[in-house]
Amino acid sequence: MTLVIDANVAIALALPQPYSAAARAAIGNVRLIAPDLLIHETANVLSRLAASKAIVDWEAPLDHIQMLIDELVPSSTLAKSVVRDALSTGHPAYDLFYAALARDRGATLVTADQKLARQARVLGIAVTAVR
């Protein structure tokens, strides 16, 4: 089984969040993939948390996230289907990279983003929502 995780789930696996236990339970011990956008998004979250002094160590969570992912897929390979999905749903394109990857690989999307979960379901993608 393969799962696509989004940035919210990745952060919850690396730092305590209200839904961290649900995220860990959802992924179990399976193959995890994500678009390379995940690294950009998680680096942004970690830099904001460190700048606000909410966390001191941003390197360990970033290393943990990078070790969790079995495959980072180039976003460029998903861009056309993402734009089509964004135009048909009105949902922000950057979120839809996760949904497009799940659809392309026949994987389940694991997300803490309820709006993304709804849109992915509309697109016929299997979703596990952890929040």
C-alpha atoms as a PDB file:
ATOM      1  CA  MET A   1       0.000   0.000   0.000  1.00  0.00           C
ATOM      2  CA  THR A   2       1.131   3.517  -0.801  1.00  0.00           C
ATOM      3  CA  LEU A   3      -0.021   6.702   0.877  1.00  0.00           C
ATOM      4  CA  VAL A   4       0.436  10.316  -0.150  1.00  0.00           C
ATOM      5  CA  ILE A   5       0.890  12.616   2.834  1.00  0.00           C
ATOM      6  CA  ASP A   6       0.533  16.371   2.756  1.00  0.00           C
ATOM      7  CA  ALA A   7       2.515  18.998   4.662  1.00  0.00           C
ATOM      8  CA  ASN A   8       0.057  19.108   7.567  1.00  0.00           C
ATOM      9  CA  VAL A   9       0.475  15.399   8.169  1.00  0.00           C
ATOM     10  CA  ALA A  10       4.249  15.569   7.731  1.00  0.00           C
ATOM     11  CA  ILE A  11       4.471  18.310  10.363  1.00  0.00           C
ATOM     12  CA  ALA A  12       2.233  16.290  12.697  1.00  0.00           C
ATOM     13  CA  LEU A  13       4.581  13.321  12.327  1.00  0.00           C
ATOM     14  CA  ALA A  14       7.597  15.475  13.210  1.00  0.00           C
ATOM     15  CA  LEU A  15       6.193  17.832  15.857  1.00  0.00           C
ATOM     16  CA  PRO A  16       3.434  17.457  18.454  1.00  0.00           C
ATOM     17  CA  GLN A  17       0.102  18.565  17.023  1.00  0.00           C
ATOM     18  CA  PRO A  18      -3.450  17.903  18.239  1.00  0.00           C
ATOM     19  CA  TYR A  19      -3.828  15.324  15.463  1.00  0.00           C
ATOM     20  CA  SER A  20      -0.347  13.717  15.652  1.00  0.00           C
ATOM     21  CA  ALA A  21      -1.660  10.431  17.084  1.00  0.00           C
ATOM     22  CA  ALA A  22      -4.262  10.199  14.333  1.00  0.00           C
ATOM     23  CA  ALA A  23      -1.610  10.925  11.710  1.00  0.00           C
ATOM     24  CA  ARG A  24       0.674   8.197  13.067  1.00  0.00           C
ATOM     25  CA  ALA A  25      -2.215   5.725  13.175  1.00  0.00           C
ATOM     26  CA  ALA A  26      -3.235   6.568   9.614  1.00  0.00           C
ATOM     27  CA  ILE A  27       0.171   5.940   8.070  1.00  0.00           C
ATOM     28  CA  GLY A  28       1.092   2.769   9.938  1.00  0.00           C
ATOM     29  CA  ASN A  29       4.072   1.099   8.293  1.00  0.00           C
ATOM     30  CA  VAL A  30       3.512   1.677   4.569  1.00  0.00           C
ATOM     31  CA  ARG A  31       5.233   3.361   1.654  1.00  0.00           C
ATOM     32  CA  LEU A  32       4.916   7.157   1.862  1.00  0.00           C
ATOM     33  CA  ILE A  33       5.196   9.429  -1.138  1.00  0.00           C
ATOM     34  CA  ALA A  34       4.656  13.134  -1.720  1.00  0.00           C
ATOM     35  CA  PRO A  35       5.199  15.760  -4.366  1.00  0.00           C
ATOM     36  CA  ASP A  36       8.474  17.623  -3.847  1.00  0.00           C
ATOM     37  CA  LEU A  37       6.306  20.589  -2.880  1.00  0.00           C
ATOM     38  CA  LEU A  38       6.140  18.943   0.555  1.00  0.00           C
ATOM     39  CA  ILE A  39       9.704  20.014   1.329  1.00  0.00           C
ATOM     40  CA  HIS A  40       8.965  23.628   0.400  1.00  0.00           C
ATOM     41  CA  GLU A  41       5.815  23.724   2.500  1.00  0.00           C
ATOM     42  CA  THR A  42       7.294  22.031   5.558  1.00  0.00           C
ATOM     43  CA  ALA A  43      10.420  24.213   5.417  1.00  0.00           C
ATOM     44  CA  ASN A  44       8.158  27.261   5.374  1.00  0.00           C
ATOM     45  CA  VAL A  45       6.170  26.041   8.403  1.00  0.00           C
ATOM     46  CA  LEU A  46       9.333  25.179  10.335  1.00  0.00           C
ATOM     47  CA  SER A  47      10.955  28.526   9.552  1.00  0.00           C
ATOM     48  CA  ARG A  48       7.850  30.385  10.757  1.00  0.00           C
ATOM     49  CA  LEU A  49       7.723  28.319  13.952  1.00  0.00           C
ATOM     50  CA  ALA A  50      11.422  28.893  14.625  1.00  0.00           C
ATOM     51  CA  ALA A  51      11.179  32.633  13.907  1.00  0.00           C
ATOM     52  CA  SER A  52       8.290  32.944  16.360  1.00  0.00           C
ATOM     53  CA  LYS A  53      10.257  30.924  18.943  1.00  0.00           C
ATOM     54  CA  ALA A  54       7.508  28.268  19.001  1.00  0.00           C
ATOM     55  CA  ILE A  55      10.288  25.733  18.334  1.00  0.00           C
ATOM     56  CA  VAL A  56      14.027  25.942  18.901  1.00  0.00           C
ATOM     57  CA  ASP A  57      15.193  22.993  16.807  1.00  0.00           C
ATOM     58  CA  TRP A  58      13.916  23.101  13.240  1.00  0.00           C
ATOM     59  CA  GLU A  59      16.587  20.800  11.797  1.00  0.00           C
ATOM     60  CA  ALA A  60      15.544  17.573  13.516  1.00  0.00           C
ATOM     61  CA  PRO A  61      11.895  17.851  12.376  1.00  0.00           C
ATOM     62  CA  LEU A  62      13.006  18.626   8.818  1.00  0.00           C
ATOM     63  CA  ASP A  63      15.404  15.665   8.819  1.00  0.00           C
ATOM     64  CA  HIS A  64      12.636  13.443  10.218  1.00  0.00           C
ATOM     65  CA  ILE A  65      10.207  14.495   7.485  1.00  0.00           C
ATOM     66  CA  GLN A  66      12.774  13.858   4.767  1.00  0.00           C
ATOM     67  CA  MET A  67      13.539  10.389   6.184  1.00  0.00           C
ATOM     68  CA  LEU A  68       9.836   9.464   6.340  1.00  0.00           C
ATOM     69  CA  ILE A  69       9.198   9.955   2.650  1.00  0.00           C
ATOM     70  CA  ASP A  70      10.083   7.004   0.460  1.00  0.00           C
ATOM     71  CA  GLU A  71       9.702   8.988  -2.767  1.00  0.00           C
ATOM     72  CA  LEU A  72       9.485  12.677  -3.579  1.00  0.00           C
ATOM     73  CA  VAL A  73       7.828  13.133  -6.950  1.00  0.00           C
ATOM     74  CA  PRO A  74       8.752  16.162  -9.098  1.00  0.00           C
ATOM     75  CA  SER A  75       5.832  18.588  -9.075  1.00  0.00           C
ATOM     76  CA  SER A  76       6.466  19.337 -12.732  1.00  0.00           C
ATOM     77  CA  THR A  77       5.129  15.888 -13.638  1.00  0.00           C
ATOM     78  CA  LEU A  78       1.793  16.721 -11.990  1.00  0.00           C
ATOM     79  CA  ALA A  79       1.338  20.353 -13.054  1.00  0.00           C
ATOM     80  CA  LYS A  80      -1.039  19.895 -16.001  1.00  0.00           C
ATOM     81  CA  SER A  81      -3.470  17.667 -14.130  1.00  0.00           C
ATOM     82  CA  VAL A  82      -3.271  20.031 -11.142  1.00  0.00           C
ATOM     83  CA  VAL A  83      -4.248  23.035 -13.256  1.00  0.00           C
ATOM     84  CA  ARG A  84      -7.154  21.068 -14.753  1.00  0.00           C
ATOM     85  CA  ASP A  85      -8.299  20.072 -11.253  1.00  0.00           C
ATOM     86  CA  ALA A  86      -7.942  23.623  -9.929  1.00  0.00           C
ATOM     87  CA  LEU A  87     -10.022  24.974 -12.804  1.00  0.00           C
ATOM     88  CA  SER A  88     -12.738  22.350 -12.306  1.00  0.00           C
ATOM     89  CA  THR A  89     -12.933  22.616  -8.507  1.00  0.00           C
ATOM     90  CA  GLY A  90     -11.887  26.194  -7.733  1.00  0.00           C
ATOM     91  CA  HIS A  91      -9.507  24.802  -5.108  1.00  0.00           C
ATOM     92  CA  PRO A  92      -5.959  26.237  -4.798  1.00  0.00           C
ATOM     93  CA  ALA A  93      -3.570  24.474  -7.135  1.00  0.00           C
ATOM     94  CA  TYR A  94      -0.773  23.972  -4.614  1.00  0.00           C
ATOM     95  CA  ASP A  95      -2.980  21.726  -2.441  1.00  0.00           C
ATOM     96  CA  LEU A  96      -4.072  19.719  -5.440  1.00  0.00           C
ATOM     97  CA  PHE A  97      -0.543  18.460  -6.124  1.00  0.00           C
ATOM     98  CA  TYR A  98      -1.088  15.982  -3.289  1.00  0.00           C
ATOM     99  CA  ALA A  99      -4.454  14.884  -4.684  1.00  0.00           C
ATOM    100  CA  ALA A 100      -3.097  14.548  -8.222  1.00  0.00           C
ATOM    101  CA  LEU A 101      -0.233  12.369  -7.036  1.00  0.00           C
ATOM    102  CA  ALA A 102      -2.627  10.125  -5.107  1.00  0.00           C
ATOM    103  CA  ARG A 103      -4.830   9.753  -8.182  1.00  0.00           C
ATOM    104  CA  ASP A 104      -1.888   9.111 -10.519  1.00  0.00           C
ATOM    105  CA  ARG A 105      -0.429   6.419  -8.258  1.00  0.00           C
ATOM    106  CA  GLY A 106      -3.718   4.864  -7.121  1.00  0.00           C
ATOM    107  CA  ALA A 107      -2.803   5.819  -3.566  1.00  0.00           C
ATOM    108  CA  THR A 108      -4.779   7.169  -0.637  1.00  0.00           C
ATOM    109  CA  LEU A 109      -4.278  10.790   0.322  1.00  0.00           C
ATOM    110  CA  VAL A 110      -3.732  11.371   4.047  1.00  0.00           C
ATOM    111  CA  THR A 111      -4.448  14.954   5.039  1.00  0.00           C
ATOM    112  CA  ALA A 112      -5.419  17.132   7.974  1.00  0.00           C
ATOM    113  CA  ASP A 113      -6.913  19.716   5.594  1.00  0.00           C
ATOM    114  CA  GLN A 114     -10.685  19.224   5.535  1.00  0.00           C
ATOM    115  CA  LYS A 115     -11.177  21.379   2.414  1.00  0.00           C
ATOM    116  CA  LEU A 116      -8.566  19.398   0.515  1.00  0.00           C
ATOM    117  CA  ALA A 117     -10.127  16.138   1.719  1.00  0.00           C
ATOM    118  CA  ARG A 118     -13.535  17.225   0.376  1.00  0.00           C
ATOM    119  CA  GLN A 119     -12.119  18.304  -2.984  1.00  0.00           C
ATOM    120  CA  ALA A 120     -10.097  15.113  -3.360  1.00  0.00           C
ATOM    121  CA  ARG A 121     -13.217  13.043  -2.723  1.00  0.00           C
ATOM    122  CA  VAL A 122     -15.074  15.077  -5.373  1.00  0.00           C
ATOM    123  CA  LEU A 123     -12.255  14.133  -7.756  1.00  0.00           C
ATOM    124  CA  GLY A 124     -12.727  10.441  -6.890  1.00  0.00           C
ATOM    125  CA  ILE A 125      -9.572  10.119  -4.799  1.00  0.00           C
ATOM    126  CA  ALA A 126      -9.458   7.925  -1.691  1.00  0.00           C
ATOM    127  CA  VAL A 127      -8.813  10.074   1.384  1.00  0.00           C
ATOM    128  CA  THR A 128      -8.045   9.525   5.041  1.00  0.00           C
ATOM    129  CA  ALA A 129      -8.679  12.702   6.995  1.00  0.00           C
ATOM    130  CA  VAL A 130      -6.792  12.877  10.297  1.00  0.00           C
ATOM    131  CA  ARG A 131      -8.471  15.913  11.805  1.00  0.00           C
END
